[in-house]
Amino acid sequence: MCGETMRLREREVVDRMPGTTQTKATRYQEWVCPECDYFEEAEEAGS
């Protein structure tokens, strides 16, 4: 958006299962612009 080079970052979201002590971790990648905070999810490999 602003012309700055986007950077690929990996994030992990941890969800807790209600009523249990179990957690579920989901990893995903997103492109992030360090200047203007614009981001979008990266496409899956092979897509």
Protein backbone atom coordinates (compact mmCIF):
# COMPACT_ATOMS: atom_id res chain seq x y z
CA MET A 1 0.00 0.00 0.00
CA CYS A 2 2.67 2.54 1.02
CA GLY A 3 5.46 1.13 -1.16
CA GLU A 4 7.47 -0.47 1.67
CA THR A 5 8.63 -4.09 1.24
CA MET A 6 6.25 -6.58 2.87
CA ARG A 7 7.70 -9.17 5.27
CA LEU A 8 6.46 -12.72 5.82
CA ARG A 9 5.75 -13.51 9.48
CA GLU A 10 4.58 -16.71 11.11
CA ARG A 11 2.04 -16.46 13.91
CA GLU A 12 0.58 -18.99 16.30
CA VAL A 13 -2.88 -18.69 17.85
CA VAL A 14 -3.65 -20.83 20.91
CA ASP A 15 -7.31 -21.60 21.62
CA ARG A 16 -8.44 -23.15 24.88
CA MET A 17 -11.16 -25.78 24.71
CA PRO A 18 -14.07 -24.78 27.00
CA GLY A 19 -14.57 -27.06 29.98
CA THR A 20 -11.21 -28.83 29.54
CA THR A 21 -7.54 -28.14 30.07
CA GLN A 22 -6.77 -28.87 26.40
CA THR A 23 -5.45 -26.25 24.00
CA LYS A 24 -5.25 -26.16 20.22
CA ALA A 25 -2.44 -24.27 18.50
CA THR A 26 -2.95 -23.03 14.94
CA ARG A 27 -0.03 -21.64 12.95
CA TYR A 28 -0.43 -19.36 9.97
CA GLN A 29 1.67 -16.99 7.92
CA GLU A 30 0.89 -13.44 6.92
CA TRP A 31 2.55 -10.66 4.96
CA VAL A 32 3.05 -7.55 7.09
CA CYS A 33 4.13 -4.03 6.14
CA PRO A 34 6.35 -2.58 8.89
CA GLU A 35 5.52 1.03 7.93
CA CYS A 36 1.74 1.20 7.60
CA ASP A 37 0.54 -1.92 9.53
CA TYR A 38 -1.12 -3.35 6.40
CA PHE A 39 -1.29 -7.18 6.43
CA GLU A 40 -2.82 -10.07 4.53
CA GLU A 41 -2.73 -13.83 4.99
CA ALA A 42 -0.17 -15.74 2.93
CA GLU A 43 -1.46 -18.32 0.47
CA GLU A 44 -0.90 -22.01 1.18
CA ALA A 45 2.12 -23.60 -0.51
CA GLY A 46 1.22 -25.05 -3.90
CA SER A 47 -1.84 -22.83 -4.37
